[in-house]
Amino acid sequence: MSGIQFVIDAQGRKVGVLIDLKKHGTIWEDFWDGFVSELRRKGKGIPYEQYRVERLRRNSPGA
């Protein structure tokens, strides 16, 4: 596949990949979004009211 190069270790195993972002940037963004989403899915959330109070505190003048 053009625009994709594998990084090979001394034993010939694929250990990484180089992606031409000019050619495959959209696919990379989709992959990255899915990866981040999966990480956040396992994370612990906070109640909306707690978030709102903290957000208002940070954005208030003099904060």
PDB file of N, CA and C in Angstrom:
ATOM      1  N   MET A   1       0.862  -1.180   0.000  1.00  0.00           N
ATOM      2  CA  MET A   1       0.000   0.000   0.000  1.00  0.00           C
ATOM      3  C   MET A   1       0.897   1.227   0.000  1.00  0.00           C
ATOM      4  N   SER A   2       0.648   2.125  -0.891  1.00  0.00           N
ATOM      5  CA  SER A   2       1.494   3.305  -0.975  1.00  0.00           C
ATOM      6  C   SER A   2       1.170   4.268   0.166  1.00  0.00           C
ATOM      7  N   GLY A   3       2.194   4.912   0.700  1.00  0.00           N
ATOM      8  CA  GLY A   3       2.013   5.844   1.803  1.00  0.00           C
ATOM      9  C   GLY A   3       2.097   5.191   3.173  1.00  0.00           C
ATOM     10  N   ILE A   4       2.339   3.876   3.213  1.00  0.00           N
ATOM     11  CA  ILE A   4       2.470   3.126   4.472  1.00  0.00           C
ATOM     12  C   ILE A   4       3.803   2.391   4.436  1.00  0.00           C
ATOM     13  N   GLN A   5       4.611   2.551   5.501  1.00  0.00           N
ATOM     14  CA  GLN A   5       5.870   1.820   5.620  1.00  0.00           C
ATOM     15  C   GLN A   5       5.934   1.206   7.000  1.00  0.00           C
ATOM     16  N   PHE A   6       6.307  -0.073   7.042  1.00  0.00           N
ATOM     17  CA  PHE A   6       6.451  -0.738   8.328  1.00  0.00           C
ATOM     18  C   PHE A   6       7.879  -0.589   8.843  1.00  0.00           C
ATOM     19  N   VAL A   7       8.019  -0.482  10.145  1.00  0.00           N
ATOM     20  CA  VAL A   7       9.317  -0.456  10.813  1.00  0.00           C
ATOM     21  C   VAL A   7       9.566  -1.878  11.299  1.00  0.00           C
ATOM     22  N   ILE A   8      10.711  -2.426  10.941  1.00  0.00           N
ATOM     23  CA  ILE A   8      11.041  -3.819  11.223  1.00  0.00           C
ATOM     24  C   ILE A   8      12.195  -3.873  12.223  1.00  0.00           C
ATOM     25  N   ASP A   9      12.098  -4.779  13.219  1.00  0.00           N
ATOM     26  CA  ASP A   9      13.204  -4.933  14.167  1.00  0.00           C
ATOM     27  C   ASP A   9      14.265  -5.881  13.590  1.00  0.00           C
ATOM     28  N   ALA A  10      15.304  -6.169  14.372  1.00  0.00           N
ATOM     29  CA  ALA A  10      16.420  -6.992  13.904  1.00  0.00           C
ATOM     30  C   ALA A  10      15.992  -8.416  13.553  1.00  0.00           C
ATOM     31  N   GLN A  11      14.901  -8.885  14.145  1.00  0.00           N
ATOM     32  CA  GLN A  11      14.408 -10.230  13.863  1.00  0.00           C
ATOM     33  C   GLN A  11      13.393 -10.251  12.705  1.00  0.00           C
ATOM     34  N   GLY A  12      13.152  -9.097  12.088  1.00  0.00           N
ATOM     35  CA  GLY A  12      12.241  -9.031  10.959  1.00  0.00           C
ATOM     36  C   GLY A  12      10.774  -8.882  11.341  1.00  0.00           C
ATOM     37  N   ARG A  13      10.506  -8.603  12.615  1.00  0.00           N
ATOM     38  CA  ARG A  13       9.120  -8.431  13.066  1.00  0.00           C
ATOM     39  C   ARG A  13       8.688  -6.985  12.876  1.00  0.00           C
ATOM     40  N   LYS A  14       7.432  -6.792  12.472  1.00  0.00           N
ATOM     41  CA  LYS A  14       6.884  -5.448  12.329  1.00  0.00           C
ATOM     42  C   LYS A  14       6.635  -4.881  13.722  1.00  0.00           C
ATOM     43  N   VAL A  15       7.268  -3.740  14.010  1.00  0.00           N
ATOM     44  CA  VAL A  15       7.148  -3.140  15.344  1.00  0.00           C
ATOM     45  C   VAL A  15       6.593  -1.724  15.308  1.00  0.00           C
ATOM     46  N   GLY A  16       6.384  -1.193  14.127  1.00  0.00           N
ATOM     47  CA  GLY A  16       5.864   0.165  14.003  1.00  0.00           C
ATOM     48  C   GLY A  16       5.424   0.414  12.574  1.00  0.00           C
ATOM     49  N   VAL A  17       4.847   1.593  12.395  1.00  0.00           N
ATOM     50  CA  VAL A  17       4.376   1.946  11.063  1.00  0.00           C
ATOM     51  C   VAL A  17       4.549   3.443  10.845  1.00  0.00           C
ATOM     52  N   LEU A  18       4.931   3.816   9.643  1.00  0.00           N
ATOM     53  CA  LEU A  18       5.011   5.213   9.232  1.00  0.00           C
ATOM     54  C   LEU A  18       3.881   5.457   8.249  1.00  0.00           C
ATOM     55  N   ILE A  19       3.083   6.482   8.521  1.00  0.00           N
ATOM     56  CA  ILE A  19       1.928   6.780   7.684  1.00  0.00           C
ATOM     57  C   ILE A  19       2.112   8.154   7.056  1.00  0.00           C
ATOM     58  N   ASP A  20       1.970   8.236   5.748  1.00  0.00           N
ATOM     59  CA  ASP A  20       2.013   9.514   5.046  1.00  0.00           C
ATOM     60  C   ASP A  20       0.693  10.232   5.345  1.00  0.00           C
ATOM     61  N   LEU A  21       0.755  11.243   6.206  1.00  0.00           N
ATOM     62  CA  LEU A  21      -0.464  11.925   6.644  1.00  0.00           C
ATOM     63  C   LEU A  21      -1.089  12.781   5.547  1.00  0.00           C
ATOM     64  N   LYS A  22      -0.301  13.200   4.582  1.00  0.00           N
ATOM     65  CA  LYS A  22      -0.886  13.929   3.447  1.00  0.00           C
ATOM     66  C   LYS A  22      -1.802  13.008   2.650  1.00  0.00           C
ATOM     67  N   LYS A  23      -1.428  11.748   2.575  1.00  0.00           N
ATOM     68  CA  LYS A  23      -2.187  10.780   1.795  1.00  0.00           C
ATOM     69  C   LYS A  23      -3.277  10.096   2.625  1.00  0.00           C
ATOM     70  N   HIS A  24      -2.993   9.799   3.888  1.00  0.00           N
ATOM     71  CA  HIS A  24      -3.900   9.002   4.723  1.00  0.00           C
ATOM     72  C   HIS A  24      -4.293   9.721   6.009  1.00  0.00           C
ATOM     73  N   GLY A  25      -4.255  11.037   6.016  1.00  0.00           N
ATOM     74  CA  GLY A  25      -4.559  11.802   7.228  1.00  0.00           C
ATOM     75  C   GLY A  25      -5.958  11.577   7.762  1.00  0.00           C
ATOM     76  N   THR A  26      -6.937  11.447   6.880  1.00  0.00           N
ATOM     77  CA  THR A  26      -8.319  11.251   7.318  1.00  0.00           C
ATOM     78  C   THR A  26      -8.479   9.905   8.019  1.00  0.00           C
ATOM     79  N   ILE A  27      -7.859   8.874   7.464  1.00  0.00           N
ATOM     80  CA  ILE A  27      -7.929   7.548   8.088  1.00  0.00           C
ATOM     81  C   ILE A  27      -7.254   7.583   9.456  1.00  0.00           C
ATOM     82  N   TRP A  28      -6.110   8.272   9.548  1.00  0.00           N
ATOM     83  CA  TRP A  28      -5.406   8.378  10.829  1.00  0.00           C
ATOM     84  C   TRP A  28      -6.275   9.079  11.864  1.00  0.00           C
ATOM     85  N   GLU A  29      -6.951  10.163  11.473  1.00  0.00           N
ATOM     86  CA  GLU A  29      -7.814  10.885  12.403  1.00  0.00           C
ATOM     87  C   GLU A  29      -8.926   9.979  12.919  1.00  0.00           C
ATOM     88  N   ASP A  30      -9.515   9.167  12.043  1.00  0.00           N
ATOM     89  CA  ASP A  30     -10.556   8.227  12.468  1.00  0.00           C
ATOM     90  C   ASP A  30      -9.998   7.212  13.460  1.00  0.00           C
ATOM     91  N   PHE A  31      -8.824   6.674  13.174  1.00  0.00           N
ATOM     92  CA  PHE A  31      -8.181   5.719  14.082  1.00  0.00           C
ATOM     93  C   PHE A  31      -7.920   6.371  15.434  1.00  0.00           C
ATOM     94  N   TRP A  32      -7.330   7.569  15.412  1.00  0.00           N
ATOM     95  CA  TRP A  32      -6.984   8.267  16.645  1.00  0.00           C
ATOM     96  C   TRP A  32      -8.228   8.580  17.482  1.00  0.00           C
ATOM     97  N   ASP A  33      -9.291   9.048  16.843  1.00  0.00           N
ATOM     98  CA  ASP A  33     -10.539   9.337  17.552  1.00  0.00           C
ATOM     99  C   ASP A  33     -11.076   8.085  18.234  1.00  0.00           C
ATOM    100  N   GLY A  34     -11.041   6.958  17.546  1.00  0.00           N
ATOM    101  CA  GLY A  34     -11.501   5.698  18.131  1.00  0.00           C
ATOM    102  C   GLY A  34     -10.637   5.278  19.304  1.00  0.00           C
ATOM    103  N   PHE A  35      -9.331   5.453  19.177  1.00  0.00           N
ATOM    104  CA  PHE A  35      -8.396   5.103  20.245  1.00  0.00           C
ATOM    105  C   PHE A  35      -8.663   5.942  21.498  1.00  0.00           C
ATOM    106  N   VAL A  36      -8.786   7.250  21.327  1.00  0.00           N
ATOM    107  CA  VAL A  36      -9.041   8.146  22.454  1.00  0.00           C
ATOM    108  C   VAL A  36     -10.396   7.832  23.077  1.00  0.00           C
ATOM    109  N   SER A  37     -11.390   7.569  22.254  1.00  0.00           N
ATOM    110  CA  SER A  37     -12.724   7.233  22.748  1.00  0.00           C
ATOM    111  C   SER A  37     -12.677   5.975  23.617  1.00  0.00           C
ATOM    112  N   GLU A  38     -11.941   4.975  23.178  1.00  0.00           N
ATOM    113  CA  GLU A  38     -11.820   3.734  23.944  1.00  0.00           C
ATOM    114  C   GLU A  38     -11.122   3.972  25.278  1.00  0.00           C
ATOM    115  N   LEU A  39     -10.090   4.803  25.283  1.00  0.00           N
ATOM    116  CA  LEU A  39      -9.409   5.122  26.539  1.00  0.00           C
ATOM    117  C   LEU A  39     -10.353   5.826  27.513  1.00  0.00           C
ATOM    118  N   ARG A  40     -11.127   6.767  27.008  1.00  0.00           N
ATOM    119  CA  ARG A  40     -12.042   7.531  27.857  1.00  0.00           C
ATOM    120  C   ARG A  40     -13.212   6.682  28.335  1.00  0.00           C
ATOM    121  N   ARG A  41     -13.618   5.706  27.545  1.00  0.00           N
ATOM    122  CA  ARG A  41     -14.735   4.841  27.927  1.00  0.00           C
ATOM    123  C   ARG A  41     -14.435   4.111  29.234  1.00  0.00           C
ATOM    124  N   LYS A  42     -13.179   3.765  29.436  1.00  0.00           N
ATOM    125  CA  LYS A  42     -12.777   3.030  30.628  1.00  0.00           C
ATOM    126  C   LYS A  42     -12.501   3.944  31.813  1.00  0.00           C
ATOM    127  N   GLY A  43     -12.448   5.239  31.558  1.00  0.00           N
ATOM    128  CA  GLY A  43     -12.145   6.205  32.617  1.00  0.00           C
ATOM    129  C   GLY A  43     -13.364   6.490  33.482  1.00  0.00           C
ATOM    130  N   LYS A  44     -13.104   7.051  34.629  1.00  0.00           N
ATOM    131  CA  LYS A  44     -14.180   7.395  35.547  1.00  0.00           C
ATOM    132  C   LYS A  44     -14.652   8.818  35.238  1.00  0.00           C
ATOM    133  N   GLY A  45     -15.949   8.991  35.096  1.00  0.00           N
ATOM    134  CA  GLY A  45     -16.512  10.299  34.814  1.00  0.00           C
ATOM    135  C   GLY A  45     -16.833  11.059  36.092  1.00  0.00           C
ATOM    136  N   ILE A  46     -17.279  12.305  35.935  1.00  0.00           N
ATOM    137  CA  ILE A  46     -17.722  13.094  37.080  1.00  0.00           C
ATOM    138  C   ILE A  46     -19.145  13.561  36.798  1.00  0.00           C
ATOM    139  N   PRO A  47     -19.936  13.760  37.841  1.00  0.00           N
ATOM    140  CA  PRO A  47     -21.301  14.236  37.636  1.00  0.00           C
ATOM    141  C   PRO A  47     -21.299  15.607  36.944  1.00  0.00           C
ATOM    142  N   TYR A  48     -22.318  15.843  36.104  1.00  0.00           N
ATOM    143  CA  TYR A  48     -22.403  17.080  35.351  1.00  0.00           C
ATOM    144  C   TYR A  48     -22.376  18.303  36.259  1.00  0.00           C
ATOM    145  N   GLU A  49     -23.116  18.274  37.363  1.00  0.00           N
ATOM    146  CA  GLU A  49     -23.163  19.440  38.259  1.00  0.00           C
ATOM    147  C   GLU A  49     -21.777  19.773  38.815  1.00  0.00           C
ATOM    148  N   GLN A  50     -21.009  18.760  39.145  1.00  0.00           N
ATOM    149  CA  GLN A  50     -19.647  18.987  39.636  1.00  0.00           C
ATOM    150  C   GLN A  50     -18.797  19.626  38.544  1.00  0.00           C
ATOM    151  N   TYR A  51     -18.906  19.109  37.319  1.00  0.00           N
ATOM    152  CA  TYR A  51     -18.178  19.691  36.187  1.00  0.00           C
ATOM    153  C   TYR A  51     -18.579  21.154  35.997  1.00  0.00           C
ATOM    154  N   ARG A  52     -19.892  21.428  36.046  1.00  0.00           N
ATOM    155  CA  ARG A  52     -20.409  22.775  35.808  1.00  0.00           C
ATOM    156  C   ARG A  52     -19.869  23.764  36.839  1.00  0.00           C
ATOM    157  N   VAL A  53     -19.888  23.368  38.113  1.00  0.00           N
ATOM    158  CA  VAL A  53     -19.388  24.240  39.182  1.00  0.00           C
ATOM    159  C   VAL A  53     -17.902  24.538  38.955  1.00  0.00           C
ATOM    160  N   GLU A  54     -17.119  23.510  38.652  1.00  0.00           N
ATOM    161  CA  GLU A  54     -15.678  23.707  38.432  1.00  0.00           C
ATOM    162  C   GLU A  54     -15.428  24.566  37.193  1.00  0.00           C
ATOM    163  N   ARG A  55     -16.198  24.350  36.149  1.00  0.00           N
ATOM    164  CA  ARG A  55     -16.037  25.140  34.920  1.00  0.00           C
ATOM    165  C   ARG A  55     -16.370  26.607  35.149  1.00  0.00           C
ATOM    166  N   LEU A  56     -17.456  26.866  35.856  1.00  0.00           N
ATOM    167  CA  LEU A  56     -17.843  28.250  36.148  1.00  0.00           C
ATOM    168  C   LEU A  56     -16.795  28.934  37.030  1.00  0.00           C
ATOM    169  N   ARG A  57     -16.244  28.193  37.963  1.00  0.00           N
ATOM    170  CA  ARG A  57     -15.201  28.727  38.851  1.00  0.00           C
ATOM    171  C   ARG A  57     -13.973  29.126  38.054  1.00  0.00           C
ATOM    172  N   ARG A  58     -13.568  28.284  37.097  1.00  0.00           N
ATOM    173  CA  ARG A  58     -12.380  28.573  36.274  1.00  0.00           C
ATOM    174  C   ARG A  58     -12.599  29.755  35.355  1.00  0.00           C
ATOM    175  N   ASN A  59     -13.824  29.932  34.868  1.00  0.00           N
ATOM    176  CA  ASN A  59     -14.099  30.985  33.901  1.00  0.00           C
ATOM    177  C   ASN A  59     -14.557  32.291  34.531  1.00  0.00           C
ATOM    178  N   SER A  60     -14.692  32.324  35.834  1.00  0.00           N
ATOM    179  CA  SER A  60     -15.164  33.567  36.468  1.00  0.00           C
ATOM    180  C   SER A  60     -14.033  34.592  36.503  1.00  0.00           C
ATOM    181  N   PRO A  61     -14.386  35.882  36.386  1.00  0.00           N
ATOM    182  CA  PRO A  61     -13.352  36.922  36.470  1.00  0.00           C
ATOM    183  C   PRO A  61     -12.644  36.863  37.824  1.00  0.00           C
ATOM    184  N   GLY A  62     -11.373  37.018  37.799  1.00  0.00           N
ATOM    185  CA  GLY A  62     -10.580  37.000  39.038  1.00  0.00           C
ATOM    186  C   GLY A  62     -10.164  35.594  39.422  1.00  0.00           C
ATOM    187  N   ALA A  63     -10.482  34.600  38.605  1.00  0.00           N
ATOM    188  CA  ALA A  63     -10.098  33.220  38.917  1.00  0.00           C
ATOM    189  C   ALA A  63      -8.702  32.935  38.434  1.00  0.00           C
TER     190      ALA A  63
END
